């Protein structure tokens, strides 16, 4: 899943009313949204930057994710 962060002014959510489900845990600052039909995580409101959103680029019609170079970082091994 490729993610990208946007401010509230940069994000327009085009989803039918009631089509998204919200999941929160612990401090309930971060908000994780899921499609009730397929379960995909299209975006979430971040913990580190409340009010900003991390976007699943695969959920944006105008973005061709096949053309994006992906660098995998596992947190353990240096690049």
C-alpha atoms as a PDB file:
ATOM      1  CA  UNK A   1       0.000   0.000   0.000  1.00  0.00           C
ATOM      2  CA  UNK A   2       1.506   3.306  -1.075  1.00  0.00           C
ATOM      3  CA  UNK A   3       0.661   6.150   1.300  1.00  0.00           C
ATOM      4  CA  UNK A   4       0.885   9.924   0.960  1.00  0.00           C
ATOM      5  CA  UNK A   5       0.060  12.648   3.536  1.00  0.00           C
ATOM      6  CA  UNK A   6      -2.301  15.564   2.813  1.00  0.00           C
ATOM      7  CA  UNK A   7      -3.674  18.498   4.799  1.00  0.00           C
ATOM      8  CA  UNK A   8      -7.470  18.777   5.236  1.00  0.00           C
ATOM      9  CA  UNK A   9      -7.568  21.506   2.576  1.00  0.00           C
ATOM     10  CA  UNK A  10      -5.929  19.164   0.052  1.00  0.00           C
ATOM     11  CA  UNK A  11      -8.327  16.249   0.589  1.00  0.00           C
ATOM     12  CA  UNK A  12     -11.792  15.851  -0.886  1.00  0.00           C
ATOM     13  CA  UNK A  13     -13.484  12.622   0.168  1.00  0.00           C
ATOM     14  CA  UNK A  14     -15.857  11.273  -2.476  1.00  0.00           C
ATOM     15  CA  UNK A  15     -17.623   8.381  -0.762  1.00  0.00           C
ATOM     16  CA  UNK A  16     -21.268   7.499  -0.355  1.00  0.00           C
ATOM     17  CA  UNK A  17     -22.713   8.313   3.061  1.00  0.00           C
ATOM     18  CA  UNK A  18     -22.286   5.346   5.392  1.00  0.00           C
ATOM     19  CA  UNK A  19     -19.834   3.519   3.118  1.00  0.00           C
ATOM     20  CA  UNK A  20     -16.839   3.999   5.424  1.00  0.00           C
ATOM     21  CA  UNK A  21     -16.217   2.474   8.824  1.00  0.00           C
ATOM     22  CA  UNK A  22     -14.022   4.079  11.508  1.00  0.00           C
ATOM     23  CA  UNK A  23     -11.567   2.202  13.723  1.00  0.00           C
ATOM     24  CA  UNK A  24      -9.710   3.818  16.627  1.00  0.00           C
ATOM     25  CA  UNK A  25      -7.650   2.449  19.493  1.00  0.00           C
ATOM     26  CA  UNK A  26      -5.622   3.550  22.515  1.00  0.00           C
ATOM     27  CA  UNK A  27      -5.566   7.395  22.551  1.00  0.00           C
ATOM     28  CA  UNK A  28      -8.219   7.604  19.796  1.00  0.00           C
ATOM     29  CA  UNK A  29      -6.263  10.417  18.105  1.00  0.00           C
ATOM     30  CA  UNK A  30      -5.586   8.499  14.901  1.00  0.00           C
ATOM     31  CA  UNK A  31      -8.656   7.591  12.857  1.00  0.00           C
ATOM     32  CA  UNK A  32      -8.470   4.603  10.510  1.00  0.00           C
ATOM     33  CA  UNK A  33     -11.172   4.468   7.835  1.00  0.00           C
ATOM     34  CA  UNK A  34     -12.178   1.309   5.967  1.00  0.00           C
ATOM     35  CA  UNK A  35     -14.593   0.582   3.126  1.00  0.00           C
ATOM     36  CA  UNK A  36     -17.549  -1.395   4.512  1.00  0.00           C
ATOM     37  CA  UNK A  37     -17.848  -3.284   1.213  1.00  0.00           C
ATOM     38  CA  UNK A  38     -14.293  -4.427   0.416  1.00  0.00           C
ATOM     39  CA  UNK A  39     -12.323  -3.617   3.600  1.00  0.00           C
ATOM     40  CA  UNK A  40      -9.649  -1.469   1.944  1.00  0.00           C
ATOM     41  CA  UNK A  41      -8.071   1.331   4.011  1.00  0.00           C
ATOM     42  CA  UNK A  42      -8.403   4.392   1.706  1.00  0.00           C
ATOM     43  CA  UNK A  43      -7.080   6.928   4.214  1.00  0.00           C
ATOM     44  CA  UNK A  44      -6.473   7.611   7.884  1.00  0.00           C
ATOM     45  CA  UNK A  45      -6.074  10.654  10.082  1.00  0.00           C
ATOM     46  CA  UNK A  46      -2.587  10.502  11.530  1.00  0.00           C
ATOM     47  CA  UNK A  47      -1.485  10.251  15.140  1.00  0.00           C
ATOM     48  CA  UNK A  48       1.641  12.368  14.651  1.00  0.00           C
ATOM     49  CA  UNK A  49      -0.148  15.094  12.648  1.00  0.00           C
ATOM     50  CA  UNK A  50      -3.786  15.161  13.830  1.00  0.00           C
ATOM     51  CA  UNK A  51      -6.045  16.694  11.219  1.00  0.00           C
ATOM     52  CA  UNK A  52      -3.787  15.476   8.384  1.00  0.00           C
ATOM     53  CA  UNK A  53      -4.475  12.404   6.315  1.00  0.00           C
ATOM     54  CA  UNK A  54      -2.390   9.561   4.942  1.00  0.00           C
ATOM     55  CA  UNK A  55      -3.853   8.490   1.646  1.00  0.00           C
ATOM     56  CA  UNK A  56      -3.749   5.090  -0.046  1.00  0.00           C
ATOM     57  CA  UNK A  57      -2.685   6.145  -3.552  1.00  0.00           C
ATOM     58  CA  UNK A  58      -4.298   3.020  -4.986  1.00  0.00           C
ATOM     59  CA  UNK A  59      -7.676   4.533  -4.093  1.00  0.00           C
ATOM     60  CA  UNK A  60      -7.211   7.599  -6.300  1.00  0.00           C
ATOM     61  CA  UNK A  61      -8.523   7.070  -9.839  1.00  0.00           C
ATOM     62  CA  UNK A  62      -6.090   9.536 -11.426  1.00  0.00           C
ATOM     63  CA  UNK A  63      -2.959   7.900  -9.969  1.00  0.00           C
ATOM     64  CA  UNK A  64      -1.244   5.067 -11.833  1.00  0.00           C
ATOM     65  CA  UNK A  65       0.456   3.181  -9.017  1.00  0.00           C
ATOM     66  CA  UNK A  66       2.172   0.851 -11.503  1.00  0.00           C
ATOM     67  CA  UNK A  67       4.427   3.773 -12.478  1.00  0.00           C
ATOM     68  CA  UNK A  68       5.558   4.490  -8.909  1.00  0.00           C
ATOM     69  CA  UNK A  69       8.949   3.178  -7.818  1.00  0.00           C
ATOM     70  CA  UNK A  70       8.599   1.467  -4.443  1.00  0.00           C
ATOM     71  CA  UNK A  71      11.501   1.211  -2.020  1.00  0.00           C
ATOM     72  CA  UNK A  72      10.830  -1.326   0.699  1.00  0.00           C
ATOM     73  CA  UNK A  73      12.204  -0.445   4.123  1.00  0.00           C
ATOM     74  CA  UNK A  74      11.599  -3.087   6.778  1.00  0.00           C
ATOM     75  CA  UNK A  75      12.911  -1.090   9.739  1.00  0.00           C
ATOM     76  CA  UNK A  76      15.586  -3.664  10.470  1.00  0.00           C
ATOM     77  CA  UNK A  77      17.949  -3.712   7.501  1.00  0.00           C
ATOM     78  CA  UNK A  78      19.746  -0.645   6.189  1.00  0.00           C
ATOM     79  CA  UNK A  79      19.160   0.318   2.581  1.00  0.00           C
END
